[in-house]
C-alpha atoms as a PDB file:
ATOM      1  CA  MET A   1     -35.457 -46.943 -17.143  1.00  0.00           C
ATOM      2  CA  LYS A   2     -31.990 -46.229 -18.569  1.00  0.00           C
ATOM      3  CA  ALA A   3     -28.944 -48.000 -17.164  1.00  0.00           C
ATOM      4  CA  LEU A   4     -25.287 -48.276 -18.084  1.00  0.00           C
ATOM      5  CA  LEU A   5     -24.662 -52.006 -18.437  1.00  0.00           C
ATOM      6  CA  CYS A   6     -21.649 -54.265 -18.158  1.00  0.00           C
ATOM      7  CA  LYS A   7     -22.574 -57.285 -20.289  1.00  0.00           C
ATOM      8  CA  ALA A   8     -19.123 -58.887 -20.327  1.00  0.00           C
ATOM      9  CA  PHE A   9     -16.098 -58.159 -18.154  1.00  0.00           C
ATOM     10  CA  GLY A  10     -13.794 -55.707 -19.888  1.00  0.00           C
ATOM     11  CA  PRO A  11     -12.721 -52.060 -20.166  1.00  0.00           C
ATOM     12  CA  ALA A  12     -15.105 -49.144 -19.684  1.00  0.00           C
ATOM     13  CA  GLU A  13     -15.519 -48.520 -23.428  1.00  0.00           C
ATOM     14  CA  THR A  14     -17.441 -51.810 -23.671  1.00  0.00           C
ATOM     15  CA  LEU A  15     -20.227 -50.554 -21.383  1.00  0.00           C
ATOM     16  CA  VAL A  16     -23.560 -49.802 -23.075  1.00  0.00           C
ATOM     17  CA  LEU A  17     -26.516 -47.594 -22.184  1.00  0.00           C
ATOM     18  CA  GLU A  18     -29.837 -49.406 -22.562  1.00  0.00           C
ATOM     19  CA  GLU A  19     -33.463 -49.428 -21.461  1.00  0.00           C
ATOM     20  CA  VAL A  20     -34.072 -52.078 -18.792  1.00  0.00           C
ATOM     21  CA  ALA A  21     -36.861 -53.026 -16.433  1.00  0.00           C
ATOM     22  CA  ALA A  22     -36.981 -50.957 -13.262  1.00  0.00           C
ATOM     23  CA  PRO A  23     -36.126 -52.796 -10.008  1.00  0.00           C
ATOM     24  CA  ARG A  24     -38.569 -53.213  -7.127  1.00  0.00           C
ATOM     25  CA  ALA A  25     -37.993 -52.706  -3.410  1.00  0.00           C
ATOM     26  CA  LYS A  26     -38.323 -56.000  -1.535  1.00  0.00           C
ATOM     27  CA  GLY A  27     -38.416 -56.640   2.209  1.00  0.00           C
ATOM     28  CA  ASN A  28     -35.655 -54.562   3.758  1.00  0.00           C
ATOM     29  CA  GLU A  29     -34.883 -52.584   0.583  1.00  0.00           C
ATOM     30  CA  VAL A  30     -35.735 -49.101  -0.633  1.00  0.00           C
ATOM     31  CA  LEU A  31     -36.096 -47.981  -4.227  1.00  0.00           C
ATOM     32  CA  LEU A  32     -34.010 -44.937  -4.987  1.00  0.00           C
ATOM     33  CA  GLU A  33     -34.593 -42.502  -7.838  1.00  0.00           C
ATOM     34  CA  VAL A  34     -30.974 -41.694  -8.612  1.00  0.00           C
ATOM     35  CA  HIS A  35     -30.102 -38.032  -9.099  1.00  0.00           C
ATOM     36  CA  ALA A  36     -26.298 -38.365  -8.919  1.00  0.00           C
ATOM     37  CA  ALA A  37     -23.788 -41.199  -8.556  1.00  0.00           C
ATOM     38  CA  GLY A  38     -20.179 -41.087  -7.399  1.00  0.00           C
ATOM     39  CA  VAL A  39     -17.344 -42.691  -9.371  1.00  0.00           C
ATOM     40  CA  ASN A  40     -14.851 -44.681  -7.296  1.00  0.00           C
ATOM     41  CA  PHE A  41     -11.810 -46.852  -7.899  1.00  0.00           C
ATOM     42  CA  PRO A  42     -13.753 -50.122  -7.327  1.00  0.00           C
ATOM     43  CA  ASP A  43     -15.827 -49.217 -10.407  1.00  0.00           C
ATOM     44  CA  THR A  44     -12.707 -49.628 -12.534  1.00  0.00           C
ATOM     45  CA  LEU A  45     -12.123 -53.102 -11.088  1.00  0.00           C
ATOM     46  CA  ILE A  46     -15.651 -54.517 -10.944  1.00  0.00           C
ATOM     47  CA  ILE A  47     -16.301 -54.072 -14.690  1.00  0.00           C
ATOM     48  CA  GLU A  48     -13.168 -56.104 -15.465  1.00  0.00           C
ATOM     49  CA  GLY A  49     -13.973 -58.875 -12.990  1.00  0.00           C
ATOM     50  CA  ASN A  50     -11.080 -57.894 -10.708  1.00  0.00           C
ATOM     51  CA  TYR A  51     -13.016 -56.795  -7.608  1.00  0.00           C
ATOM     52  CA  GLN A  52     -13.807 -58.791  -4.450  1.00  0.00           C
ATOM     53  CA  PHE A  53     -17.367 -59.188  -5.711  1.00  0.00           C
ATOM     54  CA  LYS A  54     -18.443 -60.318  -9.159  1.00  0.00           C
ATOM     55  CA  PRO A  55     -22.096 -59.429  -9.814  1.00  0.00           C
ATOM     56  CA  PRO A  56     -24.036 -61.634 -12.214  1.00  0.00           C
ATOM     57  CA  LEU A  57     -24.008 -60.263 -15.752  1.00  0.00           C
ATOM     58  CA  PRO A  58     -25.413 -57.944 -16.935  1.00  0.00           C
ATOM     59  CA  PHE A  59     -25.124 -55.327 -14.179  1.00  0.00           C
ATOM     60  CA  SER A  60     -24.627 -51.602 -13.805  1.00  0.00           C
ATOM     61  CA  PRO A  61     -21.481 -50.350 -12.068  1.00  0.00           C
ATOM     62  CA  GLY A  62     -21.654 -47.500  -9.560  1.00  0.00           C
ATOM     63  CA  GLY A  63     -21.097 -48.073  -5.855  1.00  0.00           C
ATOM     64  CA  GLU A  64     -22.721 -44.974  -4.356  1.00  0.00           C
ATOM     65  CA  ALA A  65     -25.691 -42.792  -5.204  1.00  0.00           C
ATOM     66  CA  ALA A  66     -27.791 -39.905  -3.973  1.00  0.00           C
ATOM     67  CA  GLY A  67     -31.437 -39.303  -4.728  1.00  0.00           C
ATOM     68  CA  VAL A  68     -35.002 -39.625  -3.501  1.00  0.00           C
ATOM     69  CA  VAL A  69     -36.728 -42.675  -1.999  1.00  0.00           C
ATOM     70  CA  THR A  70     -39.677 -43.643  -4.213  1.00  0.00           C
ATOM     71  CA  ALA A  71     -40.704 -46.935  -2.540  1.00  0.00           C
ATOM     72  CA  VAL A  72     -39.892 -48.901   0.616  1.00  0.00           C
ATOM     73  CA  GLY A  73     -40.057 -52.609   1.375  1.00  0.00           C
ATOM     74  CA  ASP A  74     -42.439 -53.897   4.020  1.00  0.00           C
ATOM     75  CA  LYS A  75     -39.619 -54.425   6.546  1.00  0.00           C
ATOM     76  CA  VAL A  76     -38.258 -50.853   6.357  1.00  0.00           C
ATOM     77  CA  ALA A  77     -39.185 -48.572   9.253  1.00  0.00           C
ATOM     78  CA  HIS A  78     -36.664 -45.706   9.352  1.00  0.00           C
ATOM     79  CA  LEU A  79     -37.084 -44.406   5.793  1.00  0.00           C
ATOM     80  CA  LYS A  80     -40.099 -43.186   3.846  1.00  0.00           C
ATOM     81  CA  VAL A  81     -41.076 -42.152   0.340  1.00  0.00           C
ATOM     82  CA  GLY A  82     -39.773 -38.683  -0.423  1.00  0.00           C
ATOM     83  CA  ASP A  83     -36.669 -38.856   1.785  1.00  0.00           C
ATOM     84  CA  ARG A  84     -33.511 -37.302   0.314  1.00  0.00           C
ATOM     85  CA  VAL A  85     -30.734 -39.836   0.888  1.00  0.00           C
ATOM     86  CA  MET A  86     -27.285 -41.108  -0.008  1.00  0.00           C
ATOM     87  CA  ALA A  87     -26.684 -44.819  -0.416  1.00  0.00           C
ATOM     88  CA  LEU A  88     -23.880 -47.366  -0.636  1.00  0.00           C
ATOM     89  CA  THR A  89     -24.997 -49.710  -3.400  1.00  0.00           C
ATOM     90  CA  GLY A  90     -21.943 -51.845  -4.239  1.00  0.00           C
ATOM     91  CA  TRP A  91     -23.032 -51.647  -7.872  1.00  0.00           C
ATOM     92  CA  GLY A  92     -26.108 -50.482  -9.769  1.00  0.00           C
ATOM     93  CA  SER A  93     -25.926 -46.701  -9.266  1.00  0.00           C
ATOM     94  CA  PHE A  94     -25.220 -45.822 -12.898  1.00  0.00           C
ATOM     95  CA  ALA A  95     -28.917 -46.120 -13.645  1.00  0.00           C
ATOM     96  CA  GLU A  96     -32.060 -44.071 -13.199  1.00  0.00           C
ATOM     97  CA  GLN A  97     -33.252 -46.266 -10.311  1.00  0.00           C
ATOM     98  CA  VAL A  98     -31.612 -48.725  -7.933  1.00  0.00           C
ATOM     99  CA  ALA A  99     -32.891 -50.966  -5.124  1.00  0.00           C
ATOM    100  CA  VAL A 100     -30.696 -50.757  -2.014  1.00  0.00           C
ATOM    101  CA  PRO A 101     -30.719 -52.497   1.408  1.00  0.00           C
ATOM    102  CA  ALA A 102     -32.112 -49.956   3.852  1.00  0.00           C
ATOM    103  CA  TYR A 103     -29.138 -50.319   6.232  1.00  0.00           C
ATOM    104  CA  ASN A 104     -26.943 -48.834   3.483  1.00  0.00           C
ATOM    105  CA  VAL A 105     -29.136 -45.745   3.069  1.00  0.00           C
ATOM    106  CA  MET A 106     -28.792 -42.532   5.085  1.00  0.00           C
ATOM    107  CA  PRO A 107     -30.832 -39.302   5.000  1.00  0.00           C
ATOM    108  CA  ILE A 108     -28.899 -36.197   3.968  1.00  0.00           C
ATOM    109  CA  PRO A 109     -29.323 -32.699   5.436  1.00  0.00           C
ATOM    110  CA  ASP A 110     -31.119 -29.967   3.513  1.00  0.00           C
ATOM    111  CA  SER A 111     -27.798 -28.120   3.191  1.00  0.00           C
ATOM    112  CA  MET A 112     -26.270 -30.963   1.126  1.00  0.00           C
ATOM    113  CA  ASP A 113     -27.163 -31.182  -2.571  1.00  0.00           C
ATOM    114  CA  PHE A 114     -27.258 -34.465  -4.460  1.00  0.00           C
ATOM    115  CA  THR A 115     -23.898 -33.900  -6.173  1.00  0.00           C
ATOM    116  CA  ASN A 116     -22.093 -33.461  -2.866  1.00  0.00           C
ATOM    117  CA  ALA A 117     -24.016 -36.363  -1.351  1.00  0.00           C
ATOM    118  CA  ALA A 118     -23.020 -38.675  -4.211  1.00  0.00           C
ATOM    119  CA  ALA A 119     -19.375 -37.728  -3.648  1.00  0.00           C
ATOM    120  CA  PHE A 120     -19.477 -38.015   0.132  1.00  0.00           C
ATOM    121  CA  GLY A 121     -20.307 -41.453   1.487  1.00  0.00           C
ATOM    122  CA  MET A 122     -17.593 -43.787   0.261  1.00  0.00           C
ATOM    123  CA  THR A 123     -14.532 -41.549   0.498  1.00  0.00           C
ATOM    124  CA  TYR A 124     -15.365 -39.842   3.782  1.00  0.00           C
ATOM    125  CA  GLY A 125     -16.777 -43.031   5.298  1.00  0.00           C
ATOM    126  CA  THR A 126     -13.599 -44.893   4.357  1.00  0.00           C
ATOM    127  CA  SER A 127     -11.230 -42.188   5.575  1.00  0.00           C
ATOM    128  CA  LEU A 128     -12.872 -41.612   8.960  1.00  0.00           C
ATOM    129  CA  HIS A 129     -13.108 -45.351   9.632  1.00  0.00           C
ATOM    130  CA  ALA A 130      -9.435 -45.670   8.676  1.00  0.00           C
ATOM    131  CA  LEU A 131      -8.253 -42.838  10.914  1.00  0.00           C
ATOM    132  CA  GLN A 132     -10.605 -43.388  13.840  1.00  0.00           C
ATOM    133  CA  GLN A 133     -11.328 -47.103  14.273  1.00  0.00           C
ATOM    134  CA  ARG A 134      -8.211 -48.521  12.618  1.00  0.00           C
ATOM    135  CA  ALA A 135      -5.367 -46.058  13.260  1.00  0.00           C
ATOM    136  CA  ARG A 136      -6.830 -44.319  16.336  1.00  0.00           C
ATOM    137  CA  LEU A 137      -5.217 -41.080  15.179  1.00  0.00           C
ATOM    138  CA  GLN A 138      -4.448 -38.716  18.062  1.00  0.00           C
ATOM    139  CA  PRO A 139      -4.228 -34.895  18.126  1.00  0.00           C
ATOM    140  CA  GLY A 140      -0.674 -33.753  17.492  1.00  0.00           C
ATOM    141  CA  GLU A 141       0.372 -36.875  15.591  1.00  0.00           C
ATOM    142  CA  THR A 142       1.834 -36.641  12.093  1.00  0.00           C
ATOM    143  CA  LEU A 143      -0.370 -38.047   9.332  1.00  0.00           C
ATOM    144  CA  LEU A 144       1.044 -38.802   5.881  1.00  0.00           C
ATOM    145  CA  VAL A 145      -1.512 -39.108   3.068  1.00  0.00           C
ATOM    146  CA  LEU A 146      -0.486 -40.709  -0.241  1.00  0.00           C
ATOM    147  CA  GLY A 147      -2.556 -39.949  -3.331  1.00  0.00           C
ATOM    148  CA  ALA A 148      -3.604 -36.805  -1.483  1.00  0.00           C
ATOM    149  CA  SER A 149      -5.500 -35.218  -4.387  1.00  0.00           C
ATOM    150  CA  GLY A 150      -7.831 -38.189  -4.951  1.00  0.00           C
ATOM    151  CA  GLY A 151     -11.211 -38.747  -3.323  1.00  0.00           C
ATOM    152  CA  VAL A 152     -10.015 -40.804  -0.359  1.00  0.00           C
ATOM    153  CA  GLY A 153      -6.805 -38.799  -0.060  1.00  0.00           C
ATOM    154  CA  LEU A 154      -8.478 -35.396   0.084  1.00  0.00           C
ATOM    155  CA  ALA A 155     -11.029 -36.696   2.575  1.00  0.00           C
ATOM    156  CA  ALA A 156      -8.176 -38.005   4.740  1.00  0.00           C
ATOM    157  CA  VAL A 157      -6.421 -34.613   4.618  1.00  0.00           C
ATOM    158  CA  GLU A 158      -9.572 -32.805   5.766  1.00  0.00           C
ATOM    159  CA  ILE A 159     -10.456 -35.375   8.421  1.00  0.00           C
ATOM    160  CA  GLY A 160      -6.887 -35.498   9.708  1.00  0.00           C
ATOM    161  CA  LYS A 161      -6.933 -31.732  10.228  1.00  0.00           C
ATOM    162  CA  ALA A 162     -10.362 -31.925  11.905  1.00  0.00           C
ATOM    163  CA  MET A 163      -8.934 -34.563  14.284  1.00  0.00           C
ATOM    164  CA  GLY A 164      -6.005 -32.325  15.197  1.00  0.00           C
ATOM    165  CA  ALA A 165      -3.172 -33.998  13.279  1.00  0.00           C
ATOM    166  CA  ARG A 166      -0.267 -32.418  11.414  1.00  0.00           C
ATOM    167  CA  VAL A 167      -0.875 -33.491   7.815  1.00  0.00           C
ATOM    168  CA  ILE A 168       1.769 -34.187   5.176  1.00  0.00           C
ATOM    169  CA  ALA A 169       0.198 -34.554   1.726  1.00  0.00           C
ATOM    170  CA  ALA A 170       2.005 -36.521  -0.982  1.00  0.00           C
ATOM    171  CA  ALA A 171       0.988 -36.541  -4.655  1.00  0.00           C
ATOM    172  CA  SER A 172       2.480 -36.826  -8.140  1.00  0.00           C
ATOM    173  CA  SER A 173       2.436 -33.198  -9.334  1.00  0.00           C
ATOM    174  CA  ALA A 174       2.550 -29.618  -8.132  1.00  0.00           C
ATOM    175  CA  ALA A 175      -1.019 -29.052  -9.338  1.00  0.00           C
ATOM    176  CA  LYS A 176      -2.317 -31.981  -7.293  1.00  0.00           C
ATOM    177  CA  LEU A 177      -0.407 -30.765  -4.249  1.00  0.00           C
ATOM    178  CA  THR A 178      -2.034 -27.346  -4.586  1.00  0.00           C
ATOM    179  CA  VAL A 179      -5.394 -29.070  -4.254  1.00  0.00           C
ATOM    180  CA  ALA A 180      -4.201 -30.848  -1.108  1.00  0.00           C
ATOM    181  CA  LYS A 181      -2.795 -27.601   0.300  1.00  0.00           C
ATOM    182  CA  ASN A 182      -6.158 -25.916  -0.233  1.00  0.00           C
ATOM    183  CA  ALA A 183      -7.759 -28.789   1.689  1.00  0.00           C
ATOM    184  CA  GLY A 184      -5.586 -27.978   4.707  1.00  0.00           C
ATOM    185  CA  ALA A 185      -2.324 -29.932   4.322  1.00  0.00           C
ATOM    186  CA  ASP A 186       0.541 -28.539   6.389  1.00  0.00           C
ATOM    187  CA  GLU A 187       3.434 -29.972   4.345  1.00  0.00           C
ATOM    188  CA  LEU A 188       3.737 -31.285   0.785  1.00  0.00           C
ATOM    189  CA  ILE A 189       5.777 -33.992  -0.971  1.00  0.00           C
ATOM    190  CA  ASP A 190       5.905 -34.325  -4.765  1.00  0.00           C
ATOM    191  CA  TYR A 191       6.887 -37.964  -5.173  1.00  0.00           C
ATOM    192  CA  ALA A 192       7.325 -37.525  -8.918  1.00  0.00           C
ATOM    193  CA  THR A 193      10.405 -35.361  -8.261  1.00  0.00           C
ATOM    194  CA  GLN A 194      11.312 -36.072  -4.609  1.00  0.00           C
ATOM    195  CA  ASN A 195      12.277 -39.229  -2.733  1.00  0.00           C
ATOM    196  CA  LEU A 196       9.308 -40.074  -0.541  1.00  0.00           C
ATOM    197  CA  LYS A 197      11.242 -41.773   2.258  1.00  0.00           C
ATOM    198  CA  ASP A 198      13.855 -39.006   2.455  1.00  0.00           C
ATOM    199  CA  GLU A 199      11.196 -36.276   2.523  1.00  0.00           C
ATOM    200  CA  ILE A 200       9.238 -38.027   5.272  1.00  0.00           C
ATOM    201  CA  LYS A 201      12.380 -38.151   7.385  1.00  0.00           C
ATOM    202  CA  ARG A 202      13.218 -34.496   6.643  1.00  0.00           C
ATOM    203  CA  LEU A 203       9.746 -33.214   7.497  1.00  0.00           C
ATOM    204  CA  THR A 204       9.575 -35.206  10.737  1.00  0.00           C
ATOM    205  CA  ASN A 205      13.132 -34.542  11.990  1.00  0.00           C
ATOM    206  CA  GLY A 206      13.966 -38.178  11.424  1.00  0.00           C
ATOM    207  CA  GLN A 207      11.073 -39.477  13.534  1.00  0.00           C
ATOM    208  CA  GLY A 208       8.811 -40.694  10.705  1.00  0.00           C
ATOM    209  CA  ALA A 209       5.047 -40.446  10.215  1.00  0.00           C
ATOM    210  CA  ASP A 210       2.805 -41.758  12.986  1.00  0.00           C
ATOM    211  CA  VAL A 211      -0.020 -42.708  10.609  1.00  0.00           C
ATOM    212  CA  ILE A 212       0.176 -43.305   6.848  1.00  0.00           C
ATOM    213  CA  VAL A 213      -2.888 -43.447   4.578  1.00  0.00           C
ATOM    214  CA  ASP A 214      -2.114 -45.500   1.457  1.00  0.00           C
ATOM    215  CA  PRO A 215      -4.743 -45.880  -1.278  1.00  0.00           C
ATOM    216  CA  VAL A 216      -2.011 -46.248  -3.927  1.00  0.00           C
ATOM    217  CA  GLY A 217       0.174 -49.269  -3.092  1.00  0.00           C
ATOM    218  CA  GLY A 218       3.067 -50.267  -5.334  1.00  0.00           C
ATOM    219  CA  VAL A 219       6.431 -48.541  -4.935  1.00  0.00           C
ATOM    220  CA  LEU A 220       4.938 -45.828  -2.722  1.00  0.00           C
ATOM    221  CA  PHE A 221       4.041 -48.427  -0.104  1.00  0.00           C
ATOM    222  CA  ASP A 222       7.606 -49.752  -0.312  1.00  0.00           C
ATOM    223  CA  GLN A 223       9.004 -46.288   0.411  1.00  0.00           C
ATOM    224  CA  ALA A 224       6.387 -45.183   2.942  1.00  0.00           C
ATOM    225  CA  ILE A 225       6.821 -48.179   5.273  1.00  0.00           C
ATOM    226  CA  ARG A 226      10.494 -47.204   5.524  1.00  0.00           C
ATOM    227  CA  GLY A 227       9.468 -43.746   6.721  1.00  0.00           C
ATOM    228  CA  ILE A 228       7.088 -44.849   9.449  1.00  0.00           C
ATOM    229  CA  ALA A 229       7.539 -43.785  13.068  1.00  0.00           C
ATOM    230  CA  TRP A 230       8.033 -45.994  16.121  1.00  0.00           C
ATOM    231  CA  ASN A 231       4.575 -47.439  16.925  1.00  0.00           C
ATOM    232  CA  GLY A 232       3.392 -46.118  13.557  1.00  0.00           C
ATOM    233  CA  ARG A 233       0.313 -47.388  11.715  1.00  0.00           C
ATOM    234  CA  LEU A 234       0.150 -47.834   7.952  1.00  0.00           C
ATOM    235  CA  LEU A 235      -3.388 -48.049   6.559  1.00  0.00           C
ATOM    236  CA  VAL A 236      -3.839 -50.230   3.469  1.00  0.00           C
ATOM    237  CA  ILE A 237      -6.840 -48.832   1.577  1.00  0.00           C
ATOM    238  CA  GLY A 238      -6.264 -49.713  -2.068  1.00  0.00           C
ATOM    239  CA  PHE A 239      -3.888 -50.249  -4.956  1.00  0.00           C
ATOM    240  CA  ALA A 240      -4.525 -47.476  -7.478  1.00  0.00           C
ATOM    241  CA  SER A 241      -0.984 -47.926  -8.816  1.00  0.00           C
ATOM    242  CA  GLY A 242      -1.969 -51.389 -10.021  1.00  0.00           C
ATOM    243  CA  ARG A 243       0.583 -53.357  -7.988  1.00  0.00           C
ATOM    244  CA  ILE A 244      -0.235 -55.042  -4.686  1.00  0.00           C
ATOM    245  CA  PRO A 245       2.953 -54.646  -2.619  1.00  0.00           C
ATOM    246  CA  GLU A 246       4.551 -57.263  -0.398  1.00  0.00           C
ATOM    247  CA  LEU A 247       5.737 -56.373   3.111  1.00  0.00           C
ATOM    248  CA  PRO A 248       9.177 -57.341   4.446  1.00  0.00           C
ATOM    249  CA  VAL A 249       7.867 -58.024   7.951  1.00  0.00           C
ATOM    250  CA  ASN A 250      11.199 -57.146   9.570  1.00  0.00           C
ATOM    251  CA  LEU A 251      10.329 -53.495   8.838  1.00  0.00           C
ATOM    252  CA  ALA A 252       7.217 -53.750  11.007  1.00  0.00           C
ATOM    253  CA  LEU A 253       9.255 -55.503  13.713  1.00  0.00           C
ATOM    254  CA  LEU A 254      12.027 -52.883  13.792  1.00  0.00           C
ATOM    255  CA  LYS A 255       9.569 -49.983  14.131  1.00  0.00           C
ATOM    256  CA  GLY A 256       7.042 -51.707  16.386  1.00  0.00           C
ATOM    257  CA  ALA A 257       4.679 -50.724  13.573  1.00  0.00           C
ATOM    258  CA  ALA A 258       1.297 -52.045  12.456  1.00  0.00           C
ATOM    259  CA  VAL A 259       0.008 -52.514   8.909  1.00  0.00           C
ATOM    260  CA  LEU A 260      -3.786 -52.302   9.075  1.00  0.00           C
ATOM    261  CA  GLY A 261      -6.341 -53.240   6.436  1.00  0.00           C
ATOM    262  CA  VAL A 262      -9.253 -50.875   5.833  1.00  0.00           C
ATOM    263  CA  PHE A 263     -12.462 -52.342   4.370  1.00  0.00           C
ATOM    264  CA  TRP A 264     -15.129 -49.757   5.052  1.00  0.00           C
ATOM    265  CA  GLY A 265     -17.954 -51.607   3.279  1.00  0.00           C
ATOM    266  CA  ALA A 266     -17.584 -54.618   5.589  1.00  0.00           C
ATOM    267  CA  PHE A 267     -17.224 -52.332   8.627  1.00  0.00           C
ATOM    268  CA  ALA A 268     -20.476 -50.548   7.740  1.00  0.00           C
ATOM    269  CA  GLN A 269     -22.326 -53.879   7.626  1.00  0.00           C
ATOM    270  CA  ARG A 270     -20.691 -55.492  10.657  1.00  0.00           C
ATOM    271  CA  GLN A 271     -20.647 -52.398  12.899  1.00  0.00           C
ATOM    272  CA  PRO A 272     -23.620 -50.291  11.747  1.00  0.00           C
ATOM    273  CA  ALA A 273     -23.894 -48.333  15.020  1.00  0.00           C
ATOM    274  CA  ASP A 274     -20.234 -47.276  14.817  1.00  0.00           C
ATOM    275  CA  ASN A 275     -20.646 -46.359  11.145  1.00  0.00           C
ATOM    276  CA  ALA A 276     -23.735 -44.274  11.953  1.00  0.00           C
ATOM    277  CA  ALA A 277     -21.789 -42.453  14.673  1.00  0.00           C
ATOM    278  CA  ASN A 278     -19.010 -41.761  12.179  1.00  0.00           C
ATOM    279  CA  PHE A 279     -21.486 -40.191   9.779  1.00  0.00           C
ATOM    280  CA  GLN A 280     -23.028 -38.055  12.499  1.00  0.00           C
ATOM    281  CA  GLN A 281     -19.550 -36.650  13.058  1.00  0.00           C
ATOM    282  CA  LEU A 282     -18.905 -36.231   9.319  1.00  0.00           C
ATOM    283  CA  LEU A 283     -22.187 -34.405   8.732  1.00  0.00           C
ATOM    284  CA  GLN A 284     -21.436 -32.134  11.682  1.00  0.00           C
ATOM    285  CA  TRP A 285     -18.046 -31.314  10.155  1.00  0.00           C
ATOM    286  CA  PHE A 286     -19.781 -30.733   6.798  1.00  0.00           C
ATOM    287  CA  ALA A 287     -22.170 -28.265   8.445  1.00  0.00           C
ATOM    288  CA  GLU A 288     -19.197 -26.517  10.059  1.00  0.00           C
ATOM    289  CA  GLY A 289     -17.351 -26.295   6.734  1.00  0.00           C
ATOM    290  CA  LYS A 290     -14.486 -28.522   7.876  1.00  0.00           C
ATOM    291  CA  VAL A 291     -15.094 -31.135   5.183  1.00  0.00           C
ATOM    292  CA  LYS A 292     -16.582 -30.782   1.712  1.00  0.00           C
ATOM    293  CA  PRO A 293     -16.081 -32.978  -1.361  1.00  0.00           C
ATOM    294  CA  LEU A 294     -14.157 -31.481  -4.241  1.00  0.00           C
ATOM    295  CA  VAL A 295     -16.174 -32.481  -7.306  1.00  0.00           C
ATOM    296  CA  SER A 296     -13.802 -31.642 -10.138  1.00  0.00           C
ATOM    297  CA  GLN A 297     -16.019 -32.822 -13.000  1.00  0.00           C
ATOM    298  CA  THR A 298     -19.521 -34.130 -13.668  1.00  0.00           C
ATOM    299  CA  TYR A 299     -20.675 -36.350 -16.543  1.00  0.00           C
ATOM    300  CA  PRO A 300     -24.129 -37.240 -17.887  1.00  0.00           C
ATOM    301  CA  LEU A 301     -25.139 -40.886 -17.612  1.00  0.00           C
ATOM    302  CA  GLU A 302     -24.402 -41.567 -21.273  1.00  0.00           C
ATOM    303  CA  ARG A 303     -20.750 -40.546 -20.682  1.00  0.00           C
ATOM    304  CA  ALA A 304     -20.231 -42.443 -17.432  1.00  0.00           C
ATOM    305  CA  ALA A 305     -17.772 -44.816 -19.118  1.00  0.00           C
ATOM    306  CA  GLU A 306     -15.495 -41.833 -19.791  1.00  0.00           C
ATOM    307  CA  ALA A 307     -15.487 -41.007 -16.100  1.00  0.00           C
ATOM    308  CA  ILE A 308     -14.523 -44.576 -15.169  1.00  0.00           C
ATOM    309  CA  THR A 309     -11.679 -44.470 -17.690  1.00  0.00           C
ATOM    310  CA  ALA A 310     -10.404 -41.124 -16.391  1.00  0.00           C
ATOM    311  CA  LEU A 311     -10.370 -42.425 -12.822  1.00  0.00           C
ATOM    312  CA  GLY A 312      -8.660 -45.658 -13.827  1.00  0.00           C
ATOM    313  CA  GLN A 313      -5.926 -43.706 -15.581  1.00  0.00           C
ATOM    314  CA  ARG A 314      -5.446 -41.591 -12.422  1.00  0.00           C
ATOM    315  CA  LYS A 315      -6.353 -38.384 -14.241  1.00  0.00           C
ATOM    316  CA  ALA A 316      -9.021 -37.343 -11.749  1.00  0.00           C
ATOM    317  CA  VAL A 317      -8.604 -34.788  -8.984  1.00  0.00           C
ATOM    318  CA  GLY A 318     -11.061 -35.061  -6.111  1.00  0.00           C
ATOM    319  CA  LYS A 319     -14.295 -36.767  -7.108  1.00  0.00           C
ATOM    320  CA  LEU A 320     -16.040 -37.419 -10.422  1.00  0.00           C
ATOM    321  CA  VAL A 321     -19.841 -37.551 -10.319  1.00  0.00           C
ATOM    322  CA  ILE A 322     -22.423 -38.855 -12.794  1.00  0.00           C
ATOM    323  CA  GLN A 323     -25.457 -36.577 -13.096  1.00  0.00           C
ATOM    324  CA  VAL A 324     -28.342 -38.965 -13.700  1.00  0.00           C
ATOM    325  CA  ARG A 325     -31.193 -36.447 -13.260  1.00  0.00           C
END
């Protein structure tokens, strides 16, 4: 089979497409024939050795996939050959086949094609876990979403609206804010031309945002924490800006605020029943048209490195997807 390989940690242009032996499904695994694979920010980190996990070399990047089950291990009971599924793989999805633990594989409805399925799991799973289990977002609260045109950001805008929140979308250009507006955002902040903290205060009559989704980090975290409401919750999801911020803890004290880490992959493994319930809700919203991934561009497998580079340079809007088949 063909696979995009990382043979030494480095930038995306060092990845190579090669023929490799196909994996086999063992025990509690299923073998997935990959039709499409989502591109996510961890892909930019894992190939440079900067992610929480460092797979043994060589490996294929790609943390989520959608396709058809072609084999099941002898300990798998809830999936069968021929099932259309999406899967959280960690790595390995930028290949024609991947073996995945069965607990990370979920059937998809007939109404969902493989491209949407490949763009769905990680961003929507992360955002609903963040807003539901971590922030406990309530109807009528004000939700601020940073990086609101990216995969996680757009998912958070849609989910926030579905949960009954007033959503303020913040992004770095008017074009990106148009995307967030189309996803349902009530108010917009262009932090390339406006002061984020001042705009938060203006749009909330000085009260601040009840919940803040931050997949960006850096200076935006520094400004956002100063615009948080009393009893507010700031959700730390990632550091797309490249800088991991440090928190002056007196700011949390003065606002009675909480800074909450969001690690959806660990949540899915540690609390599988809660994660499954989240996805039942997400698929219901998908069927109702309340959430739908914005796939702005697709790439063939041989150009997957270009997609990783584009995402790492923060040029992507919505989701990028690799079309494997």
